[in-house]
Amino acid sequence: MLVEFNFERKNLQASAGEIQDYLEQELRKRGYPILFEIESVTIMSRWLVLLIDFPTLKEHTLRPVEFLWDAIAGLIVLKYDVRYRHFTVHGEGPSLIFKEKTQP
């Protein structure tokens, strides 16, 4: 399951690689209980977007999984002083990373 985490950049001074390394290190150090793979970290003019794959999750269950996703967002907010906006499970809502294909 691909999940996109969206943050307002505010005064972000870090690089995408630094953010990815930090997040991987912190989640592994803290024993994050779900298998994850950070697919990309994208810094745009206004947004910081993390795309994370959770290969063992097959469906989006509301509270138990979202609680763990909040932990990811919290690590980023505390370290980089960005503002967490929301997450999007791909296929369930609009994406900042992927353009929706229009029907002819």
PDB file of N, CA and C in Angstrom:
ATOM      1  N   MET A   1       0.838  -1.165   0.000  1.00  0.00           N
ATOM      2  CA  MET A   1       0.000   0.000   0.000  1.00  0.00           C
ATOM      3  C   MET A   1       0.892   1.239   0.000  1.00  0.00           C
ATOM      4  N   LEU A   2       0.681   2.096  -0.960  1.00  0.00           N
ATOM      5  CA  LEU A   2       1.433   3.348  -1.042  1.00  0.00           C
ATOM      6  C   LEU A   2       0.684   4.443  -0.299  1.00  0.00           C
ATOM      7  N   VAL A   3       1.415   5.151   0.548  1.00  0.00           N
ATOM      8  CA  VAL A   3       0.831   6.248   1.310  1.00  0.00           C
ATOM      9  C   VAL A   3       1.676   7.492   1.078  1.00  0.00           C
ATOM     10  N   GLU A   4       1.010   8.571   0.776  1.00  0.00           N
ATOM     11  CA  GLU A   4       1.668   9.859   0.544  1.00  0.00           C
ATOM     12  C   GLU A   4       1.409  10.754   1.754  1.00  0.00           C
ATOM     13  N   PHE A   5       2.483  11.238   2.363  1.00  0.00           N
ATOM     14  CA  PHE A   5       2.403  12.147   3.510  1.00  0.00           C
ATOM     15  C   PHE A   5       2.745  13.543   3.014  1.00  0.00           C
ATOM     16  N   ASN A   6       1.867  14.513   3.276  1.00  0.00           N
ATOM     17  CA  ASN A   6       2.060  15.873   2.783  1.00  0.00           C
ATOM     18  C   ASN A   6       2.285  16.839   3.938  1.00  0.00           C
ATOM     19  N   PHE A   7       3.328  17.651   3.789  1.00  0.00           N
ATOM     20  CA  PHE A   7       3.701  18.640   4.789  1.00  0.00           C
ATOM     21  C   PHE A   7       3.891  19.986   4.095  1.00  0.00           C
ATOM     22  N   GLU A   8       3.528  21.078   4.776  1.00  0.00           N
ATOM     23  CA  GLU A   8       3.916  22.407   4.303  1.00  0.00           C
ATOM     24  C   GLU A   8       5.362  22.606   4.718  1.00  0.00           C
ATOM     25  N   ARG A   9       6.171  23.100   3.792  1.00  0.00           N
ATOM     26  CA  ARG A   9       7.618  23.224   4.023  1.00  0.00           C
ATOM     27  C   ARG A   9       7.993  24.210   5.120  1.00  0.00           C
ATOM     28  N   LYS A  10       7.241  25.293   5.247  1.00  0.00           N
ATOM     29  CA  LYS A  10       7.616  26.388   6.138  1.00  0.00           C
ATOM     30  C   LYS A  10       9.054  26.818   5.834  1.00  0.00           C
ATOM     31  N   ASN A  11       9.989  26.629   6.759  1.00  0.00           N
ATOM     32  CA  ASN A  11      11.380  27.063   6.546  1.00  0.00           C
ATOM     33  C   ASN A  11      12.323  25.872   6.440  1.00  0.00           C
ATOM     34  N   LEU A  12      11.908  24.842   5.778  1.00  0.00           N
ATOM     35  CA  LEU A  12      12.699  23.622   5.663  1.00  0.00           C
ATOM     36  C   LEU A  12      14.065  23.909   5.048  1.00  0.00           C
ATOM     37  N   GLN A  13      15.117  23.452   5.719  1.00  0.00           N
ATOM     38  CA  GLN A  13      16.481  23.664   5.253  1.00  0.00           C
ATOM     39  C   GLN A  13      17.202  22.362   4.921  1.00  0.00           C
ATOM     40  N   ALA A  14      16.542  21.231   5.040  1.00  0.00           N
ATOM     41  CA  ALA A  14      17.171  19.927   4.819  1.00  0.00           C
ATOM     42  C   ALA A  14      16.988  19.472   3.369  1.00  0.00           C
ATOM     43  N   SER A  15      17.836  18.539   2.966  1.00  0.00           N
ATOM     44  CA  SER A  15      17.709  17.945   1.633  1.00  0.00           C
ATOM     45  C   SER A  15      16.812  16.707   1.713  1.00  0.00           C
ATOM     46  N   ALA A  16      16.338  16.265   0.570  1.00  0.00           N
ATOM     47  CA  ALA A  16      15.492  15.076   0.513  1.00  0.00           C
ATOM     48  C   ALA A  16      16.243  13.852   1.038  1.00  0.00           C
ATOM     49  N   GLY A  17      17.507  13.716   0.677  1.00  0.00           N
ATOM     50  CA  GLY A  17      18.309  12.588   1.137  1.00  0.00           C
ATOM     51  C   GLY A  17      18.494  12.581   2.640  1.00  0.00           C
ATOM     52  N   GLU A  18      18.714  13.746   3.219  1.00  0.00           N
ATOM     53  CA  GLU A  18      18.869  13.854   4.675  1.00  0.00           C
ATOM     54  C   GLU A  18      17.587  13.432   5.386  1.00  0.00           C
ATOM     55  N   ILE A  19      16.450  13.867   4.868  1.00  0.00           N
ATOM     56  CA  ILE A  19      15.168  13.525   5.478  1.00  0.00           C
ATOM     57  C   ILE A  19      14.927  12.018   5.385  1.00  0.00           C
ATOM     58  N   GLN A  20      15.201  11.443   4.232  1.00  0.00           N
ATOM     59  CA  GLN A  20      15.002  10.002   4.061  1.00  0.00           C
ATOM     60  C   GLN A  20      15.900   9.206   5.002  1.00  0.00           C
ATOM     61  N   ASP A  21      17.177   9.574   5.076  1.00  0.00           N
ATOM     62  CA  ASP A  21      18.107   8.875   5.973  1.00  0.00           C
ATOM     63  C   ASP A  21      17.659   8.976   7.429  1.00  0.00           C
ATOM     64  N   TYR A  22      17.255  10.180   7.840  1.00  0.00           N
ATOM     65  CA  TYR A  22      16.798  10.383   9.219  1.00  0.00           C
ATOM     66  C   TYR A  22      15.591   9.503   9.531  1.00  0.00           C
ATOM     67  N   LEU A  23      14.602   9.519   8.641  1.00  0.00           N
ATOM     68  CA  LEU A  23      13.379   8.775   8.907  1.00  0.00           C
ATOM     69  C   LEU A  23      13.639   7.272   8.962  1.00  0.00           C
ATOM     70  N   GLU A  24      14.410   6.753   8.025  1.00  0.00           N
ATOM     71  CA  GLU A  24      14.734   5.315   8.046  1.00  0.00           C
ATOM     72  C   GLU A  24      15.457   4.940   9.339  1.00  0.00           C
ATOM     73  N   GLN A  25      16.421   5.750   9.726  1.00  0.00           N
ATOM     74  CA  GLN A  25      17.194   5.482  10.940  1.00  0.00           C
ATOM     75  C   GLN A  25      16.296   5.507  12.179  1.00  0.00           C
ATOM     76  N   GLU A  26      15.454   6.509  12.294  1.00  0.00           N
ATOM     77  CA  GLU A  26      14.599   6.639  13.475  1.00  0.00           C
ATOM     78  C   GLU A  26      13.569   5.517  13.561  1.00  0.00           C
ATOM     79  N   LEU A  27      12.961   5.159  12.441  1.00  0.00           N
ATOM     80  CA  LEU A  27      11.942   4.106  12.474  1.00  0.00           C
ATOM     81  C   LEU A  27      12.554   2.750  12.802  1.00  0.00           C
ATOM     82  N   ARG A  28      13.741   2.480  12.276  1.00  0.00           N
ATOM     83  CA  ARG A  28      14.397   1.209  12.589  1.00  0.00           C
ATOM     84  C   ARG A  28      14.870   1.185  14.052  1.00  0.00           C
ATOM     85  N   LYS A  29      15.414   2.309  14.517  1.00  0.00           N
ATOM     86  CA  LYS A  29      15.894   2.403  15.895  1.00  0.00           C
ATOM     87  C   LYS A  29      14.751   2.215  16.897  1.00  0.00           C
ATOM     88  N   ARG A  30      13.584   2.725  16.569  1.00  0.00           N
ATOM     89  CA  ARG A  30      12.440   2.665  17.471  1.00  0.00           C
ATOM     90  C   ARG A  30      11.608   1.395  17.294  1.00  0.00           C
ATOM     91  N   GLY A  31      12.012   0.528  16.367  1.00  0.00           N
ATOM     92  CA  GLY A  31      11.307  -0.734  16.164  1.00  0.00           C
ATOM     93  C   GLY A  31       9.931  -0.566  15.555  1.00  0.00           C
ATOM     94  N   TYR A  32       9.822   0.291  14.534  1.00  0.00           N
ATOM     95  CA  TYR A  32       8.533   0.512  13.866  1.00  0.00           C
ATOM     96  C   TYR A  32       7.932  -0.836  13.478  1.00  0.00           C
ATOM     97  N   PRO A  33       6.703  -1.128  13.910  1.00  0.00           N
ATOM     98  CA  PRO A  33       6.166  -2.490  13.824  1.00  0.00           C
ATOM     99  C   PRO A  33       5.626  -2.932  12.472  1.00  0.00           C
ATOM    100  N   ILE A  34       5.681  -2.086  11.456  1.00  0.00           N
ATOM    101  CA  ILE A  34       5.180  -2.457  10.135  1.00  0.00           C
ATOM    102  C   ILE A  34       6.322  -2.333   9.137  1.00  0.00           C
ATOM    103  N   LEU A  35       6.437  -3.329   8.251  1.00  0.00           N
ATOM    104  CA  LEU A  35       7.437  -3.279   7.191  1.00  0.00           C
ATOM    105  C   LEU A  35       7.164  -2.064   6.311  1.00  0.00           C
ATOM    106  N   PHE A  36       8.204  -1.280   6.016  1.00  0.00           N
ATOM    107  CA  PHE A  36       8.030  -0.075   5.204  1.00  0.00           C
ATOM    108  C   PHE A  36       9.208   0.085   4.257  1.00  0.00           C
ATOM    109  N   GLU A  37       8.977   0.818   3.188  1.00  0.00           N
ATOM    110  CA  GLU A  37      10.032   1.177   2.239  1.00  0.00           C
ATOM    111  C   GLU A  37       9.759   2.608   1.793  1.00  0.00           C
ATOM    112  N   ILE A  38      10.696   3.501   2.078  1.00  0.00           N
ATOM    113  CA  ILE A  38      10.525   4.887   1.652  1.00  0.00           C
ATOM    114  C   ILE A  38      10.831   4.953   0.159  1.00  0.00           C
ATOM    115  N   GLU A  39       9.795   5.202  -0.622  1.00  0.00           N
ATOM    116  CA  GLU A  39       9.925   5.237  -2.077  1.00  0.00           C
ATOM    117  C   GLU A  39      10.534   6.553  -2.549  1.00  0.00           C
ATOM    118  N   SER A  40      10.088   7.666  -1.951  1.00  0.00           N
ATOM    119  CA  SER A  40      10.655   8.949  -2.357  1.00  0.00           C
ATOM    120  C   SER A  40      10.385  10.018  -1.315  1.00  0.00           C
ATOM    121  N   VAL A  41      11.261  11.001  -1.325  1.00  0.00           N
ATOM    122  CA  VAL A  41      11.091  12.230  -0.557  1.00  0.00           C
ATOM    123  C   VAL A  41      11.219  13.348  -1.574  1.00  0.00           C
ATOM    124  N   THR A  42      10.167  14.135  -1.720  1.00  0.00           N
ATOM    125  CA  THR A  42      10.139  15.188  -2.729  1.00  0.00           C
ATOM    126  C   THR A  42       9.937  16.527  -2.048  1.00  0.00           C
ATOM    127  N   ILE A  43      10.789  17.477  -2.387  1.00  0.00           N
ATOM    128  CA  ILE A  43      10.670  18.831  -1.859  1.00  0.00           C
ATOM    129  C   ILE A  43      10.259  19.735  -3.011  1.00  0.00           C
ATOM    130  N   MET A  44       9.090  20.343  -2.869  1.00  0.00           N
ATOM    131  CA  MET A  44       8.576  21.268  -3.879  1.00  0.00           C
ATOM    132  C   MET A  44       8.645  22.685  -3.312  1.00  0.00           C
ATOM    133  N   SER A  45       8.199  23.647  -4.079  1.00  0.00           N
ATOM    134  CA  SER A  45       8.277  25.027  -3.615  1.00  0.00           C
ATOM    135  C   SER A  45       7.472  25.249  -2.342  1.00  0.00           C
ATOM    136  N   ARG A  46       6.352  24.552  -2.194  1.00  0.00           N
ATOM    137  CA  ARG A  46       5.535  24.739  -1.000  1.00  0.00           C
ATOM    138  C   ARG A  46       5.401  23.478  -0.149  1.00  0.00           C
ATOM    139  N   TRP A  47       5.645  22.321  -0.716  1.00  0.00           N
ATOM    140  CA  TRP A  47       5.345  21.058  -0.059  1.00  0.00           C
ATOM    141  C   TRP A  47       6.568  20.176   0.143  1.00  0.00           C
ATOM    142  N   LEU A  48       6.510  19.393   1.193  1.00  0.00           N
ATOM    143  CA  LEU A  48       7.405  18.259   1.394  1.00  0.00           C
ATOM    144  C   LEU A  48       6.500  17.039   1.314  1.00  0.00           C
ATOM    145  N   VAL A  49       6.834  16.099   0.436  1.00  0.00           N
ATOM    146  CA  VAL A  49       5.984  14.935   0.222  1.00  0.00           C
ATOM    147  C   VAL A  49       6.815  13.667   0.402  1.00  0.00           C
ATOM    148  N   LEU A  50       6.348  12.791   1.293  1.00  0.00           N
ATOM    149  CA  LEU A  50       6.972  11.486   1.493  1.00  0.00           C
ATOM    150  C   LEU A  50       6.059  10.439   0.875  1.00  0.00           C
ATOM    151  N   LEU A  51       6.629   9.557   0.088  1.00  0.00           N
ATOM    152  CA  LEU A  51       5.881   8.437  -0.469  1.00  0.00           C
ATOM    153  C   LEU A  51       6.462   7.172   0.137  1.00  0.00           C
ATOM    154  N   ILE A  52       5.644   6.478   0.934  1.00  0.00           N
ATOM    155  CA  ILE A  52       6.114   5.296   1.658  1.00  0.00           C
ATOM    156  C   ILE A  52       5.237   4.112   1.294  1.00  0.00           C
ATOM    157  N   ASP A  53       5.886   3.000   0.980  1.00  0.00           N
ATOM    158  CA  ASP A  53       5.177   1.763   0.682  1.00  0.00           C
ATOM    159  C   ASP A  53       5.159   0.889   1.931  1.00  0.00           C
ATOM    160  N   PHE A  54       3.991   0.360   2.239  1.00  0.00           N
ATOM    161  CA  PHE A  54       3.821  -0.595   3.330  1.00  0.00           C
ATOM    162  C   PHE A  54       3.387  -1.910   2.672  1.00  0.00           C
ATOM    163  N   PRO A  55       4.346  -2.738   2.234  1.00  0.00           N
ATOM    164  CA  PRO A  55       4.015  -3.901   1.405  1.00  0.00           C
ATOM    165  C   PRO A  55       3.171  -4.965   2.101  1.00  0.00           C
ATOM    166  N   THR A  56       3.187  -5.022   3.415  1.00  0.00           N
ATOM    167  CA  THR A  56       2.403  -6.049   4.104  1.00  0.00           C
ATOM    168  C   THR A  56       0.970  -5.609   4.381  1.00  0.00           C
ATOM    169  N   LEU A  57       0.671  -4.327   4.194  1.00  0.00           N
ATOM    170  CA  LEU A  57      -0.693  -3.848   4.413  1.00  0.00           C
ATOM    171  C   LEU A  57      -1.496  -4.001   3.128  1.00  0.00           C
ATOM    172  N   LYS A  58      -2.627  -4.647   3.228  1.00  0.00           N
ATOM    173  CA  LYS A  58      -3.466  -4.876   2.051  1.00  0.00           C
ATOM    174  C   LYS A  58      -4.690  -3.983   2.027  1.00  0.00           C
ATOM    175  N   GLU A  59      -5.091  -3.470   3.195  1.00  0.00           N
ATOM    176  CA  GLU A  59      -6.241  -2.583   3.239  1.00  0.00           C
ATOM    177  C   GLU A  59      -6.008  -1.486   4.264  1.00  0.00           C
ATOM    178  N   HIS A  60      -6.663  -0.374   4.054  1.00  0.00           N
ATOM    179  CA  HIS A  60      -6.554   0.780   4.939  1.00  0.00           C
ATOM    180  C   HIS A  60      -7.591   0.644   6.055  1.00  0.00           C
ATOM    181  N   THR A  61      -7.125   0.255   7.233  1.00  0.00           N
ATOM    182  CA  THR A  61      -7.994   0.199   8.405  1.00  0.00           C
ATOM    183  C   THR A  61      -7.818   1.498   9.169  1.00  0.00           C
ATOM    184  N   LEU A  62      -8.902   2.087   9.577  1.00  0.00           N
ATOM    185  CA  LEU A  62      -8.837   3.460  10.073  1.00  0.00           C
ATOM    186  C   LEU A  62      -7.894   3.690  11.237  1.00  0.00           C
ATOM    187  N   ARG A  63      -8.234   3.380  12.421  1.00  0.00           N
ATOM    188  CA  ARG A  63      -7.442   3.848  13.557  1.00  0.00           C
ATOM    189  C   ARG A  63      -6.123   3.125  13.807  1.00  0.00           C
ATOM    190  N   PRO A  64      -6.058   1.805  13.800  1.00  0.00           N
ATOM    191  CA  PRO A  64      -4.773   1.172  14.163  1.00  0.00           C
ATOM    192  C   PRO A  64      -3.620   1.578  13.252  1.00  0.00           C
ATOM    193  N   VAL A  65      -3.857   1.617  11.971  1.00  0.00           N
ATOM    194  CA  VAL A  65      -2.785   1.954  11.031  1.00  0.00           C
ATOM    195  C   VAL A  65      -2.508   3.447  11.041  1.00  0.00           C
ATOM    196  N   GLU A  66      -3.527   4.246  11.086  1.00  0.00           N
ATOM    197  CA  GLU A  66      -3.335   5.696  11.075  1.00  0.00           C
ATOM    198  C   GLU A  66      -2.556   6.175  12.298  1.00  0.00           C
ATOM    199  N   PHE A  67      -2.693   5.497  13.409  1.00  0.00           N
ATOM    200  CA  PHE A  67      -1.922   5.835  14.605  1.00  0.00           C
ATOM    201  C   PHE A  67      -0.427   5.705  14.317  1.00  0.00           C
ATOM    202  N   LEU A  68      -0.037   4.660  13.601  1.00  0.00           N
ATOM    203  CA  LEU A  68       1.376   4.471  13.252  1.00  0.00           C
ATOM    204  C   LEU A  68       1.820   5.486  12.208  1.00  0.00           C
ATOM    205  N   TRP A  69       0.934   5.845  11.297  1.00  0.00           N
ATOM    206  CA  TRP A  69       1.281   6.869  10.307  1.00  0.00           C
ATOM    207  C   TRP A  69       1.477   8.223  10.978  1.00  0.00           C
ATOM    208  N   ASP A  70       0.698   8.486  12.022  1.00  0.00           N
ATOM    209  CA  ASP A  70       0.880   9.726  12.785  1.00  0.00           C
ATOM    210  C   ASP A  70       2.260   9.774  13.436  1.00  0.00           C
ATOM    211  N   ALA A  71       2.774   8.616  13.834  1.00  0.00           N
ATOM    212  CA  ALA A  71       4.113   8.553  14.424  1.00  0.00           C
ATOM    213  C   ALA A  71       5.161   8.982  13.404  1.00  0.00           C
ATOM    214  N   ILE A  72       5.016   8.548  12.167  1.00  0.00           N
ATOM    215  CA  ILE A  72       5.934   8.959  11.100  1.00  0.00           C
ATOM    216  C   ILE A  72       5.864  10.472  10.915  1.00  0.00           C
ATOM    217  N   ALA A  73       4.655  11.000  10.800  1.00  0.00           N
ATOM    218  CA  ALA A  73       4.484  12.443  10.608  1.00  0.00           C
ATOM    219  C   ALA A  73       5.080  13.220  11.778  1.00  0.00           C
ATOM    220  N   GLY A  74       4.882  12.730  12.989  1.00  0.00           N
ATOM    221  CA  GLY A  74       5.403  13.408  14.168  1.00  0.00           C
ATOM    222  C   GLY A  74       6.917  13.497  14.186  1.00  0.00           C
ATOM    223  N   LEU A  75       7.586  12.422  13.766  1.00  0.00           N
ATOM    224  CA  LEU A  75       9.052  12.458  13.704  1.00  0.00           C
ATOM    225  C   LEU A  75       9.537  13.555  12.765  1.00  0.00           C
ATOM    226  N   ILE A  76       8.881  13.690  11.629  1.00  0.00           N
ATOM    227  CA  ILE A  76       9.277  14.703  10.642  1.00  0.00           C
ATOM    228  C   ILE A  76       8.981  16.111  11.162  1.00  0.00           C
ATOM    229  N   VAL A  77       7.815  16.303  11.754  1.00  0.00           N
ATOM    230  CA  VAL A  77       7.440  17.623  12.278  1.00  0.00           C
ATOM    231  C   VAL A  77       8.412  18.076  13.364  1.00  0.00           C
ATOM    232  N   LEU A  78       8.726  17.188  14.283  1.00  0.00           N
ATOM    233  CA  LEU A  78       9.614  17.564  15.387  1.00  0.00           C
ATOM    234  C   LEU A  78      11.030  17.867  14.929  1.00  0.00           C
ATOM    235  N   LYS A  79      11.522  17.127  13.967  1.00  0.00           N
ATOM    236  CA  LYS A  79      12.906  17.308  13.513  1.00  0.00           C
ATOM    237  C   LYS A  79      13.068  18.503  12.571  1.00  0.00           C
ATOM    238  N   TYR A  80      12.107  18.712  11.670  1.00  0.00           N
ATOM    239  CA  TYR A  80      12.307  19.687  10.593  1.00  0.00           C
ATOM    240  C   TYR A  80      11.400  20.907  10.644  1.00  0.00           C
ATOM    241  N   ASP A  81      10.574  21.051  11.677  1.00  0.00           N
ATOM    242  CA  ASP A  81       9.708  22.219  11.822  1.00  0.00           C
ATOM    243  C   ASP A  81       8.892  22.477  10.558  1.00  0.00           C
ATOM    244  N   VAL A  82       8.224  21.438  10.089  1.00  0.00           N
ATOM    245  CA  VAL A  82       7.292  21.555   8.981  1.00  0.00           C
ATOM    246  C   VAL A  82       5.885  21.376   9.544  1.00  0.00           C
ATOM    247  N   ARG A  83       4.875  21.630   8.734  1.00  0.00           N
ATOM    248  CA  ARG A  83       3.490  21.479   9.193  1.00  0.00           C
ATOM    249  C   ARG A  83       2.851  20.302   8.473  1.00  0.00           C
ATOM    250  N   TYR A  84       2.422  19.331   9.233  1.00  0.00           N
ATOM    251  CA  TYR A  84       1.772  18.150   8.672  1.00  0.00           C
ATOM    252  C   TYR A  84       0.373  18.514   8.204  1.00  0.00           C
ATOM    253  N   ARG A  85       0.073  18.199   6.951  1.00  0.00           N
ATOM    254  CA  ARG A  85      -1.241  18.511   6.396  1.00  0.00           C
ATOM    255  C   ARG A  85      -2.149  17.294   6.382  1.00  0.00           C
ATOM    256  N   HIS A  86      -1.704  16.202   5.752  1.00  0.00           N
ATOM    257  CA  HIS A  86      -2.549  15.019   5.671  1.00  0.00           C
ATOM    258  C   HIS A  86      -1.788  13.888   5.005  1.00  0.00           C
ATOM    259  N   PHE A  87      -2.410  12.730   4.997  1.00  0.00           N
ATOM    260  CA  PHE A  87      -1.885  11.607   4.234  1.00  0.00           C
ATOM    261  C   PHE A  87      -2.938  11.210   3.210  1.00  0.00           C
ATOM    262  N   THR A  88      -2.498  10.545   2.157  1.00  0.00           N
ATOM    263  CA  THR A  88      -3.394  10.012   1.150  1.00  0.00           C
ATOM    264  C   THR A  88      -2.951   8.599   0.824  1.00  0.00           C
ATOM    265  N   VAL A  89      -3.877   7.652   0.932  1.00  0.00           N
ATOM    266  CA  VAL A  89      -3.605   6.302   0.463  1.00  0.00           C
ATOM    267  C   VAL A  89      -3.874   6.311  -1.032  1.00  0.00           C
ATOM    268  N   HIS A  90      -2.889   5.886  -1.826  1.00  0.00           N
ATOM    269  CA  HIS A  90      -3.064   5.936  -3.279  1.00  0.00           C
ATOM    270  C   HIS A  90      -4.236   5.081  -3.699  1.00  0.00           C
ATOM    271  N   GLY A  91      -5.084   5.694  -4.498  1.00  0.00           N
ATOM    272  CA  GLY A  91      -6.303   5.049  -4.936  1.00  0.00           C
ATOM    273  C   GLY A  91      -7.513   5.487  -4.137  1.00  0.00           C
ATOM    274  N   GLU A  92      -7.285   6.169  -3.009  1.00  0.00           N
ATOM    275  CA  GLU A  92      -8.405   6.612  -2.171  1.00  0.00           C
ATOM    276  C   GLU A  92      -8.617   8.123  -2.210  1.00  0.00           C
ATOM    277  N   GLY A  93      -7.679   8.856  -2.743  1.00  0.00           N
ATOM    278  CA  GLY A  93      -7.822  10.310  -2.760  1.00  0.00           C
ATOM    279  C   GLY A  93      -6.819  10.948  -3.706  1.00  0.00           C
ATOM    280  N   PRO A  94      -6.872  12.282  -3.817  1.00  0.00           N
ATOM    281  CA  PRO A  94      -5.965  12.986  -4.732  1.00  0.00           C
ATOM    282  C   PRO A  94      -4.517  12.946  -4.251  1.00  0.00           C
ATOM    283  N   SER A  95      -3.609  13.065  -5.195  1.00  0.00           N
ATOM    284  CA  SER A  95      -2.183  12.979  -4.909  1.00  0.00           C
ATOM    285  C   SER A  95      -1.468  14.222  -5.413  1.00  0.00           C
ATOM    286  N   LEU A  96      -0.455  14.675  -4.662  1.00  0.00           N
ATOM    287  CA  LEU A  96       0.411  15.752  -5.151  1.00  0.00           C
ATOM    288  C   LEU A  96       1.493  15.212  -6.082  1.00  0.00           C
ATOM    289  N   ILE A  97       1.812  13.929  -5.960  1.00  0.00           N
ATOM    290  CA  ILE A  97       2.902  13.324  -6.729  1.00  0.00           C
ATOM    291  C   ILE A  97       2.439  12.774  -8.065  1.00  0.00           C
ATOM    292  N   PHE A  98       1.338  12.052  -8.044  1.00  0.00           N
ATOM    293  CA  PHE A  98       0.852  11.387  -9.248  1.00  0.00           C
ATOM    294  C   PHE A  98      -0.317  12.160  -9.842  1.00  0.00           C
ATOM    295  N   LYS A  99      -0.230  12.431 -11.135  1.00  0.00           N
ATOM    296  CA  LYS A  99      -1.329  13.076 -11.837  1.00  0.00           C
ATOM    297  C   LYS A  99      -2.400  12.036 -12.123  1.00  0.00           C
ATOM    298  N   GLU A 100      -3.645  12.436 -11.970  1.00  0.00           N
ATOM    299  CA  GLU A 100      -4.747  11.555 -12.289  1.00  0.00           C
ATOM    300  C   GLU A 100      -4.867  11.459 -13.818  1.00  0.00           C
ATOM    301  N   LYS A 101      -5.057  10.260 -14.312  1.00  0.00           N
ATOM    302  CA  LYS A 101      -5.260  10.074 -15.746  1.00  0.00           C
ATOM    303  C   LYS A 101      -6.684  10.487 -16.084  1.00  0.00           C
ATOM    304  N   THR A 102      -6.799  11.301 -17.115  1.00  0.00           N
ATOM    305  CA  THR A 102      -8.137  11.730 -17.537  1.00  0.00           C
ATOM    306  C   THR A 102      -8.637  10.802 -18.614  1.00  0.00           C
ATOM    307  N   GLN A 103      -9.921  10.566 -18.613  1.00  0.00           N
ATOM    308  CA  GLN A 103     -10.548   9.705 -19.605  1.00  0.00           C
ATOM    309  C   GLN A 103     -10.750  10.517 -20.875  1.00  0.00           C
ATOM    310  N   PRO A 104     -10.492   9.929 -22.076  1.00  0.00           N
ATOM    311  CA  PRO A 104     -10.692  10.682 -23.328  1.00  0.00           C
ATOM    312  C   PRO A 104     -12.156  10.905 -23.617  1.00  0.00           C
TER     313      PRO A 104
END
